[in-house]
Amino acid sequence: MRKLYFLGPSGTYSEIGAEKIANVLNEKVELTPISTIVKIIEMVEKTGNYAVIPIENSIEGIVRPTIDSLLDACVQINLQTEIEIKHCLFSKGKKENIKHIISHPQALAQCSKYILNNFDEKIELIEAKSTAAAAKELLFKNISYAAISSFEIGNKLNYNLIDANIGNIQDNKTRFILVSKGDIDFGKKTRTSIVFNTKNQSGALLEVLQIFKKYDLNLVYIESRPSKKVFGEYNFFVDIDKGYSEILLALSEIRKACNLFKFLGSYPSV
């Protein structure tokens, strides 16, 4: 049985994304938490197993360790899915007992308005490695502590649900991708991801963008990241809303116009 790695520990939104994707795989897999995205990619390359990793959050933007790892790794994207992020506040006691709140720094930031409106300036905010780690840390705390986590893990640990869906922005989603060493056929592909690096000359990026315009290609996502080789040089990560077979001519022209070009995957959504 192959393993399906996800960003651990157990109980994170990454595990929820992994469970959703596991249900559409044509084989049984063992969900296995790994501590970092870089390590996850390394394990996929080494073992040939699968992995589900976060690539973009609707509030925080791109997940940098993911796209940086995809550039150098011999893996490709096979599927994507979106998971709603609904932060909940849990405690062993009641709301009036709470003097400390534990969670991942992003979760604390994403729930800042709720914290401000419901607690005074003396509330202590404690950072944890993940929302799941925060919930598990609460096991060893008294009733003056609370944790912001997913409903699933808070409910599983039998805490008191203080308030649900407490994020500043209600439509908070994270996009997860399934990666493997080869292509997995899930039917019609609706998105293609590439990364390219333009020639170091005036108008080089415009030349590539004009190719997208020439073939009437809609870029649903574009992100620049330092190449880490030459100061001021950038790699451009792009998502196109068509399958690979529909845009072969365009990709061929883009490849010729660039110093670096890499196909990251063509895939559907579930």
C-alpha atoms as a PDB file:
ATOM      1  CA  MET A   1       0.000   0.000   0.000  1.00  0.00           C
ATOM      2  CA  ARG A   2       1.370   3.401  -0.979  1.00  0.00           C
ATOM      3  CA  LYS A   3       1.540   6.261   1.482  1.00  0.00           C
ATOM      4  CA  LEU A   4      -0.117   9.642   1.053  1.00  0.00           C
ATOM      5  CA  TYR A   5       2.018  12.216   2.856  1.00  0.00           C
ATOM      6  CA  PHE A   6       0.566  15.423   4.261  1.00  0.00           C
ATOM      7  CA  LEU A   7       1.863  18.327   6.349  1.00  0.00           C
ATOM      8  CA  GLY A   8       1.510  17.118   9.920  1.00  0.00           C
ATOM      9  CA  PRO A   9       0.749  16.625  12.659  1.00  0.00           C
ATOM     10  CA  SER A  10      -2.552  14.778  12.427  1.00  0.00           C
ATOM     11  CA  GLY A  11      -5.585  17.005  12.747  1.00  0.00           C
ATOM     12  CA  THR A  12      -4.397  19.815  10.485  1.00  0.00           C
ATOM     13  CA  TYR A  13      -6.313  21.224   7.535  1.00  0.00           C
ATOM     14  CA  SER A  14      -3.677  19.485   5.412  1.00  0.00           C
ATOM     15  CA  GLU A  15      -4.970  16.151   6.684  1.00  0.00           C
ATOM     16  CA  ILE A  16      -8.516  17.181   5.773  1.00  0.00           C
ATOM     17  CA  GLY A  17      -7.284  17.969   2.253  1.00  0.00           C
ATOM     18  CA  ALA A  18      -5.450  14.654   2.103  1.00  0.00           C
ATOM     19  CA  GLU A  19      -8.563  12.743   3.177  1.00  0.00           C
ATOM     20  CA  LYS A  20     -10.605  14.439   0.446  1.00  0.00           C
ATOM     21  CA  ILE A  21      -8.075  13.558  -2.254  1.00  0.00           C
ATOM     22  CA  ALA A  22      -7.602  10.012  -0.910  1.00  0.00           C
ATOM     23  CA  ASN A  23     -11.281   9.394  -1.623  1.00  0.00           C
ATOM     24  CA  VAL A  24     -10.791   9.939  -5.364  1.00  0.00           C
ATOM     25  CA  LEU A  25      -7.611   7.889  -5.785  1.00  0.00           C
ATOM     26  CA  ASN A  26      -8.029   4.536  -7.503  1.00  0.00           C
ATOM     27  CA  GLU A  27      -6.163   2.748  -4.736  1.00  0.00           C
ATOM     28  CA  LYS A  28      -6.057   2.594  -0.960  1.00  0.00           C
ATOM     29  CA  VAL A  29      -3.374   4.722   0.659  1.00  0.00           C
ATOM     30  CA  GLU A  30      -1.991   5.191   4.149  1.00  0.00           C
ATOM     31  CA  LEU A  31      -2.204   8.820   5.307  1.00  0.00           C
ATOM     32  CA  THR A  32       1.172   9.736   6.811  1.00  0.00           C
ATOM     33  CA  PRO A  33       2.068  13.079   8.451  1.00  0.00           C
ATOM     34  CA  ILE A  34       5.458  14.678   7.678  1.00  0.00           C
ATOM     35  CA  SER A  35       6.795  17.725   9.525  1.00  0.00           C
ATOM     36  CA  THR A  36       7.806  20.000   6.613  1.00  0.00           C
ATOM     37  CA  ILE A  37       6.892  20.550   2.972  1.00  0.00           C
ATOM     38  CA  VAL A  38      10.522  20.220   1.886  1.00  0.00           C
ATOM     39  CA  LYS A  39      10.757  16.819   3.587  1.00  0.00           C
ATOM     40  CA  ILE A  40       7.469  15.729   2.009  1.00  0.00           C
ATOM     41  CA  ILE A  41       8.770  16.452  -1.505  1.00  0.00           C
ATOM     42  CA  GLU A  42      12.018  14.630  -0.730  1.00  0.00           C
ATOM     43  CA  MET A  43      10.055  11.575   0.438  1.00  0.00           C
ATOM     44  CA  VAL A  44       7.928  11.539  -2.731  1.00  0.00           C
ATOM     45  CA  GLU A  45      11.086  11.584  -4.876  1.00  0.00           C
ATOM     46  CA  LYS A  46      12.759   8.894  -2.772  1.00  0.00           C
ATOM     47  CA  THR A  47       9.848   6.466  -2.320  1.00  0.00           C
ATOM     48  CA  GLY A  48       7.449   7.058  -5.209  1.00  0.00           C
ATOM     49  CA  ASN A  49       4.587   7.641  -2.796  1.00  0.00           C
ATOM     50  CA  TYR A  50       2.032  10.462  -3.092  1.00  0.00           C
ATOM     51  CA  ALA A  51       1.687  13.735  -1.208  1.00  0.00           C
ATOM     52  CA  VAL A  52      -0.935  16.415  -0.637  1.00  0.00           C
ATOM     53  CA  ILE A  53       0.541  19.838   0.123  1.00  0.00           C
ATOM     54  CA  PRO A  54      -0.865  23.373   0.426  1.00  0.00           C
ATOM     55  CA  ILE A  55       0.024  25.731  -2.412  1.00  0.00           C
ATOM     56  CA  GLU A  56      -2.171  28.824  -1.898  1.00  0.00           C
ATOM     57  CA  ASN A  57      -4.368  30.445   0.749  1.00  0.00           C
ATOM     58  CA  SER A  58      -7.045  32.948  -0.209  1.00  0.00           C
ATOM     59  CA  ILE A  59      -5.844  35.354   2.524  1.00  0.00           C
ATOM     60  CA  GLU A  60      -2.126  34.712   2.977  1.00  0.00           C
ATOM     61  CA  GLY A  61      -1.353  33.986  -0.696  1.00  0.00           C
ATOM     62  CA  ILE A  62       1.191  31.525  -2.068  1.00  0.00           C
ATOM     63  CA  VAL A  63       2.838  28.886   0.122  1.00  0.00           C
ATOM     64  CA  ARG A  64       6.468  29.651  -0.653  1.00  0.00           C
ATOM     65  CA  PRO A  65       8.083  26.361   0.471  1.00  0.00           C
ATOM     66  CA  THR A  66       5.761  24.530  -1.933  1.00  0.00           C
ATOM     67  CA  ILE A  67       6.536  26.455  -5.115  1.00  0.00           C
ATOM     68  CA  ASP A  68      10.238  26.700  -4.284  1.00  0.00           C
ATOM     69  CA  SER A  69      10.368  22.912  -3.812  1.00  0.00           C
ATOM     70  CA  LEU A  70       8.418  22.206  -7.021  1.00  0.00           C
ATOM     71  CA  LEU A  71      11.024  24.030  -9.110  1.00  0.00           C
ATOM     72  CA  ASP A  72      13.864  21.686  -8.190  1.00  0.00           C
ATOM     73  CA  ALA A  73      11.979  18.435  -7.582  1.00  0.00           C
ATOM     74  CA  CYS A  74      11.243  15.609 -10.037  1.00  0.00           C
ATOM     75  CA  VAL A  75       7.528  15.544  -9.214  1.00  0.00           C
ATOM     76  CA  GLN A  76       4.411  16.852 -10.905  1.00  0.00           C
ATOM     77  CA  ILE A  77       0.980  18.103  -9.916  1.00  0.00           C
ATOM     78  CA  ASN A  78      -1.864  15.672 -10.639  1.00  0.00           C
ATOM     79  CA  LEU A  79      -4.908  17.140  -8.897  1.00  0.00           C
ATOM     80  CA  GLN A  80      -6.059  20.128  -6.890  1.00  0.00           C
ATOM     81  CA  THR A  81      -8.775  20.769  -4.346  1.00  0.00           C
ATOM     82  CA  GLU A  82      -9.917  23.584  -2.064  1.00  0.00           C
ATOM     83  CA  ILE A  83     -10.638  23.272   1.650  1.00  0.00           C
ATOM     84  CA  GLU A  84     -12.597  25.836   3.644  1.00  0.00           C
ATOM     85  CA  ILE A  85     -10.657  27.109   6.648  1.00  0.00           C
ATOM     86  CA  LYS A  86     -13.112  27.586   9.513  1.00  0.00           C
ATOM     87  CA  HIS A  87     -11.238  28.383  12.694  1.00  0.00           C
ATOM     88  CA  CYS A  88     -12.919  27.481  15.981  1.00  0.00           C
ATOM     89  CA  LEU A  89     -12.107  28.392  19.578  1.00  0.00           C
ATOM     90  CA  PHE A  90     -11.982  25.459  22.005  1.00  0.00           C
ATOM     91  CA  SER A  91     -11.290  25.219  25.727  1.00  0.00           C
ATOM     92  CA  LYS A  92     -11.705  22.871  28.676  1.00  0.00           C
ATOM     93  CA  GLY A  93     -13.572  25.597  30.532  1.00  0.00           C
ATOM     94  CA  LYS A  94     -15.880  28.468  29.691  1.00  0.00           C
ATOM     95  CA  LYS A  95     -15.275  31.648  27.732  1.00  0.00           C
ATOM     96  CA  GLU A  96     -15.006  33.769  30.884  1.00  0.00           C
ATOM     97  CA  ASN A  97     -12.130  31.579  32.141  1.00  0.00           C
ATOM     98  CA  ILE A  98      -9.898  32.172  29.111  1.00  0.00           C
ATOM     99  CA  LYS A  99      -6.695  34.157  29.664  1.00  0.00           C
ATOM    100  CA  HIS A 100      -4.412  32.489  27.095  1.00  0.00           C
ATOM    101  CA  ILE A 101      -5.032  31.478  23.452  1.00  0.00           C
ATOM    102  CA  ILE A 102      -2.756  29.035  21.640  1.00  0.00           C
ATOM    103  CA  SER A 103      -2.568  28.616  17.858  1.00  0.00           C
ATOM    104  CA  HIS A 104      -0.467  28.855  14.715  1.00  0.00           C
ATOM    105  CA  PRO A 105       0.647  32.468  14.022  1.00  0.00           C
ATOM    106  CA  GLN A 106      -1.440  32.613  10.818  1.00  0.00           C
ATOM    107  CA  ALA A 107      -4.553  31.436  12.652  1.00  0.00           C
ATOM    108  CA  LEU A 108      -4.030  34.019  15.402  1.00  0.00           C
ATOM    109  CA  ALA A 109      -3.672  36.738  12.743  1.00  0.00           C
ATOM    110  CA  GLN A 110      -6.702  35.501  10.808  1.00  0.00           C
ATOM    111  CA  CYS A 111      -8.818  35.623  13.992  1.00  0.00           C
ATOM    112  CA  SER A 112      -7.474  38.942  15.312  1.00  0.00           C
ATOM    113  CA  LYS A 113     -10.798  40.806  15.106  1.00  0.00           C
ATOM    114  CA  TYR A 114     -12.612  38.110  17.068  1.00  0.00           C
ATOM    115  CA  ILE A 115      -9.897  38.140  19.748  1.00  0.00           C
ATOM    116  CA  LEU A 116      -9.983  41.942  19.957  1.00  0.00           C
ATOM    117  CA  ASN A 117     -13.785  42.046  20.255  1.00  0.00           C
ATOM    118  CA  ASN A 118     -14.096  39.232  22.796  1.00  0.00           C
ATOM    119  CA  PHE A 119     -11.086  39.552  25.105  1.00  0.00           C
ATOM    120  CA  ASP A 120      -9.291  42.419  26.826  1.00  0.00           C
ATOM    121  CA  GLU A 121      -5.726  43.581  26.234  1.00  0.00           C
ATOM    122  CA  LYS A 122      -4.391  41.189  28.887  1.00  0.00           C
ATOM    123  CA  ILE A 123      -5.118  38.092  26.779  1.00  0.00           C
ATOM    124  CA  GLU A 124      -1.906  36.171  26.095  1.00  0.00           C
ATOM    125  CA  LEU A 125      -1.435  34.839  22.554  1.00  0.00           C
ATOM    126  CA  ILE A 126       0.838  31.793  22.356  1.00  0.00           C
ATOM    127  CA  GLU A 127       2.238  30.559  19.041  1.00  0.00           C
ATOM    128  CA  ALA A 128       2.223  26.864  18.093  1.00  0.00           C
ATOM    129  CA  LYS A 129       3.632  24.972  15.092  1.00  0.00           C
ATOM    130  CA  SER A 130       0.123  24.281  13.765  1.00  0.00           C
ATOM    131  CA  THR A 131      -3.518  24.543  14.778  1.00  0.00           C
ATOM    132  CA  ALA A 132      -3.466  20.791  15.464  1.00  0.00           C
ATOM    133  CA  ALA A 133      -0.416  21.155  17.712  1.00  0.00           C
ATOM    134  CA  ALA A 134      -2.227  23.940  19.572  1.00  0.00           C
ATOM    135  CA  ALA A 135      -5.241  21.711  20.190  1.00  0.00           C
ATOM    136  CA  LYS A 136      -3.036  18.894  21.476  1.00  0.00           C
ATOM    137  CA  GLU A 137      -1.083  21.286  23.707  1.00  0.00           C
ATOM    138  CA  LEU A 138      -4.367  22.229  25.335  1.00  0.00           C
ATOM    139  CA  LEU A 139      -4.539  18.697  26.783  1.00  0.00           C
ATOM    140  CA  PHE A 140      -1.849  19.683  29.281  1.00  0.00           C
ATOM    141  CA  LYS A 141      -3.293  23.095  30.196  1.00  0.00           C
ATOM    142  CA  ASN A 142      -5.882  24.277  32.706  1.00  0.00           C
ATOM    143  CA  ILE A 143      -9.228  25.962  32.008  1.00  0.00           C
ATOM    144  CA  SER A 144      -7.616  29.399  31.534  1.00  0.00           C
ATOM    145  CA  TYR A 145      -6.204  28.222  28.181  1.00  0.00           C
ATOM    146  CA  ALA A 146      -7.968  27.980  24.824  1.00  0.00           C
ATOM    147  CA  ALA A 147      -6.880  26.919  21.350  1.00  0.00           C
ATOM    148  CA  ILE A 148      -7.845  27.987  17.861  1.00  0.00           C
ATOM    149  CA  SER A 149      -8.043  24.900  15.650  1.00  0.00           C
ATOM    150  CA  SER A 150     -10.232  23.102  13.150  1.00  0.00           C
ATOM    151  CA  PHE A 151     -13.601  21.859  14.335  1.00  0.00           C
ATOM    152  CA  GLU A 152     -12.573  18.275  13.546  1.00  0.00           C
ATOM    153  CA  ILE A 153      -9.666  18.019  15.968  1.00  0.00           C
ATOM    154  CA  GLY A 154     -11.269  20.105  18.725  1.00  0.00           C
ATOM    155  CA  ASN A 155     -14.349  17.929  18.602  1.00  0.00           C
ATOM    156  CA  LYS A 156     -12.239  14.753  18.486  1.00  0.00           C
ATOM    157  CA  LEU A 157     -10.443  15.794  21.690  1.00  0.00           C
ATOM    158  CA  ASN A 158     -13.788  16.489  23.412  1.00  0.00           C
ATOM    159  CA  TYR A 159     -13.126  20.148  24.194  1.00  0.00           C
ATOM    160  CA  ASN A 160     -15.848  22.700  24.759  1.00  0.00           C
ATOM    161  CA  LEU A 161     -16.628  24.603  21.573  1.00  0.00           C
ATOM    162  CA  ILE A 162     -16.564  28.265  22.618  1.00  0.00           C
ATOM    163  CA  ASP A 163     -17.211  29.835  19.196  1.00  0.00           C
ATOM    164  CA  ALA A 164     -17.148  28.558  15.612  1.00  0.00           C
ATOM    165  CA  ASN A 165     -15.988  30.156  12.346  1.00  0.00           C
ATOM    166  CA  ILE A 166     -14.202  33.043  14.079  1.00  0.00           C
ATOM    167  CA  GLY A 167     -11.961  34.176  11.216  1.00  0.00           C
ATOM    168  CA  ASN A 168     -11.787  37.806  10.138  1.00  0.00           C
ATOM    169  CA  ILE A 169     -12.810  36.767   6.624  1.00  0.00           C
ATOM    170  CA  GLN A 170     -15.482  34.104   6.286  1.00  0.00           C
ATOM    171  CA  ASP A 171     -14.510  32.936   2.795  1.00  0.00           C
ATOM    172  CA  ASN A 172     -11.081  31.598   3.792  1.00  0.00           C
ATOM    173  CA  LYS A 173      -9.853  28.718   1.646  1.00  0.00           C
ATOM    174  CA  THR A 174      -6.622  26.862   1.047  1.00  0.00           C
ATOM    175  CA  ARG A 175      -5.790  25.183  -2.250  1.00  0.00           C
ATOM    176  CA  PHE A 176      -4.070  21.814  -1.962  1.00  0.00           C
ATOM    177  CA  ILE A 177      -2.329  19.830  -4.697  1.00  0.00           C
ATOM    178  CA  LEU A 178      -1.603  16.135  -5.140  1.00  0.00           C
ATOM    179  CA  VAL A 179       1.965  15.495  -6.291  1.00  0.00           C
ATOM    180  CA  SER A 180       3.684  12.317  -7.423  1.00  0.00           C
ATOM    181  CA  LYS A 181       6.658  11.240  -9.559  1.00  0.00           C
ATOM    182  CA  GLY A 182       4.463  10.543 -12.590  1.00  0.00           C
ATOM    183  CA  ASP A 183       1.164  11.341 -14.251  1.00  0.00           C
ATOM    184  CA  ILE A 184      -2.108  10.092 -12.755  1.00  0.00           C
ATOM    185  CA  ASP A 185      -5.147  10.213 -15.004  1.00  0.00           C
ATOM    186  CA  PHE A 186      -8.164  11.788 -13.311  1.00  0.00           C
ATOM    187  CA  GLY A 187      -9.984  12.657 -16.521  1.00  0.00           C
ATOM    188  CA  LYS A 188     -10.182  16.004 -18.309  1.00  0.00           C
ATOM    189  CA  LYS A 189      -7.447  18.397 -17.255  1.00  0.00           C
ATOM    190  CA  THR A 190      -8.570  21.974 -16.634  1.00  0.00           C
ATOM    191  CA  ARG A 191      -5.425  23.701 -15.356  1.00  0.00           C
ATOM    192  CA  THR A 192      -1.750  23.662 -16.331  1.00  0.00           C
ATOM    193  CA  SER A 193       1.108  24.925 -14.152  1.00  0.00           C
ATOM    194  CA  ILE A 194       4.499  26.029 -15.448  1.00  0.00           C
ATOM    195  CA  VAL A 195       7.497  28.015 -14.236  1.00  0.00           C
ATOM    196  CA  PHE A 196       9.779  30.096 -16.461  1.00  0.00           C
ATOM    197  CA  ASN A 197      12.688  32.490 -16.230  1.00  0.00           C
ATOM    198  CA  THR A 198      13.009  35.175 -18.909  1.00  0.00           C
ATOM    199  CA  LYS A 199      16.129  36.270 -20.698  1.00  0.00           C
ATOM    200  CA  ASN A 200      17.973  39.106 -18.955  1.00  0.00           C
ATOM    201  CA  GLN A 201      17.124  41.837 -21.436  1.00  0.00           C
ATOM    202  CA  SER A 202      14.661  44.671 -21.878  1.00  0.00           C
ATOM    203  CA  GLY A 203      11.152  43.559 -22.821  1.00  0.00           C
ATOM    204  CA  ALA A 204      11.833  39.858 -22.177  1.00  0.00           C
ATOM    205  CA  LEU A 205       8.843  39.378 -19.854  1.00  0.00           C
ATOM    206  CA  LEU A 206       6.579  41.342 -22.200  1.00  0.00           C
ATOM    207  CA  GLU A 207       7.616  39.014 -25.029  1.00  0.00           C
ATOM    208  CA  VAL A 208       6.418  35.985 -23.043  1.00  0.00           C
ATOM    209  CA  LEU A 209       3.187  37.671 -21.956  1.00  0.00           C
ATOM    210  CA  GLN A 210       2.428  38.489 -25.581  1.00  0.00           C
ATOM    211  CA  ILE A 211       2.565  34.765 -26.368  1.00  0.00           C
ATOM    212  CA  PHE A 212      -0.148  34.171 -23.774  1.00  0.00           C
ATOM    213  CA  LYS A 213      -2.198  36.939 -25.410  1.00  0.00           C
ATOM    214  CA  LYS A 214      -1.568  35.552 -28.920  1.00  0.00           C
ATOM    215  CA  TYR A 215      -3.105  32.203 -27.960  1.00  0.00           C
ATOM    216  CA  ASP A 216      -5.866  33.805 -25.841  1.00  0.00           C
ATOM    217  CA  LEU A 217      -4.697  32.079 -22.653  1.00  0.00           C
ATOM    218  CA  ASN A 218      -6.118  33.182 -19.322  1.00  0.00           C
ATOM    219  CA  LEU A 219      -3.585  33.254 -16.501  1.00  0.00           C
ATOM    220  CA  VAL A 220      -5.502  32.334 -13.356  1.00  0.00           C
ATOM    221  CA  TYR A 221      -2.390  32.727 -11.234  1.00  0.00           C
ATOM    222  CA  ILE A 222       1.050  34.325 -11.583  1.00  0.00           C
ATOM    223  CA  GLU A 223       3.713  34.650  -8.886  1.00  0.00           C
ATOM    224  CA  SER A 224       7.346  35.757  -9.032  1.00  0.00           C
ATOM    225  CA  ARG A 225      10.048  34.253  -6.814  1.00  0.00           C
ATOM    226  CA  PRO A 226      13.769  35.052  -6.624  1.00  0.00           C
ATOM    227  CA  SER A 227      15.829  32.606  -8.673  1.00  0.00           C
ATOM    228  CA  LYS A 228      18.321  32.374  -5.759  1.00  0.00           C
ATOM    229  CA  LYS A 229      21.103  32.310  -8.340  1.00  0.00           C
ATOM    230  CA  VAL A 230      21.463  35.921  -9.499  1.00  0.00           C
ATOM    231  CA  PHE A 231      20.329  38.912  -7.449  1.00  0.00           C
ATOM    232  CA  GLY A 232      17.406  40.607  -9.199  1.00  0.00           C
ATOM    233  CA  GLU A 233      16.567  37.533 -11.295  1.00  0.00           C
ATOM    234  CA  TYR A 234      13.111  36.009 -10.870  1.00  0.00           C
ATOM    235  CA  ASN A 235      11.244  32.827 -11.736  1.00  0.00           C
ATOM    236  CA  PHE A 236       7.584  33.207 -12.725  1.00  0.00           C
ATOM    237  CA  PHE A 237       5.077  30.572 -11.633  1.00  0.00           C
ATOM    238  CA  VAL A 238       1.970  30.565 -13.813  1.00  0.00           C
ATOM    239  CA  ASP A 239      -1.333  28.662 -13.833  1.00  0.00           C
ATOM    240  CA  ILE A 240      -3.284  28.535 -17.112  1.00  0.00           C
ATOM    241  CA  ASP A 241      -6.961  27.562 -17.164  1.00  0.00           C
ATOM    242  CA  LYS A 242      -6.582  24.916 -19.902  1.00  0.00           C
ATOM    243  CA  GLY A 243      -5.224  21.384 -20.123  1.00  0.00           C
ATOM    244  CA  TYR A 244      -1.738  20.670 -21.461  1.00  0.00           C
ATOM    245  CA  SER A 245      -2.909  19.154 -24.758  1.00  0.00           C
ATOM    246  CA  GLU A 246      -4.835  22.345 -25.619  1.00  0.00           C
ATOM    247  CA  ILE A 247      -1.836  24.674 -25.287  1.00  0.00           C
ATOM    248  CA  LEU A 248       1.097  22.737 -26.733  1.00  0.00           C
ATOM    249  CA  LEU A 249       1.925  25.343 -29.396  1.00  0.00           C
ATOM    250  CA  ALA A 250       1.871  28.185 -26.902  1.00  0.00           C
ATOM    251  CA  LEU A 251       4.092  26.318 -24.449  1.00  0.00           C
ATOM    252  CA  SER A 252       6.549  25.516 -27.230  1.00  0.00           C
ATOM    253  CA  GLU A 253       6.911  29.209 -28.067  1.00  0.00           C
ATOM    254  CA  ILE A 254       7.243  30.160 -24.393  1.00  0.00           C
ATOM    255  CA  ARG A 255       9.956  27.563 -23.908  1.00  0.00           C
ATOM    256  CA  LYS A 256      11.982  29.054 -26.802  1.00  0.00           C
ATOM    257  CA  ALA A 257      11.635  32.579 -25.401  1.00  0.00           C
ATOM    258  CA  CYS A 258      12.935  31.684 -21.918  1.00  0.00           C
ATOM    259  CA  ASN A 259      16.190  30.801 -20.220  1.00  0.00           C
ATOM    260  CA  LEU A 260      14.379  28.349 -17.972  1.00  0.00           C
ATOM    261  CA  PHE A 261      11.094  26.527 -18.555  1.00  0.00           C
ATOM    262  CA  LYS A 262       9.570  23.713 -16.508  1.00  0.00           C
ATOM    263  CA  PHE A 263       6.228  21.955 -16.822  1.00  0.00           C
ATOM    264  CA  LEU A 264       4.812  21.406 -13.318  1.00  0.00           C
ATOM    265  CA  GLY A 265       1.656  19.494 -14.213  1.00  0.00           C
ATOM    266  CA  SER A 266      -1.736  19.501 -15.918  1.00  0.00           C
ATOM    267  CA  TYR A 267      -4.676  18.438 -13.804  1.00  0.00           C
ATOM    268  CA  PRO A 268      -8.372  18.733 -12.859  1.00  0.00           C
ATOM    269  CA  SER A 269     -10.035  19.939  -9.656  1.00  0.00           C
ATOM    270  CA  VAL A 270     -12.127  17.954  -7.171  1.00  0.00           C
END
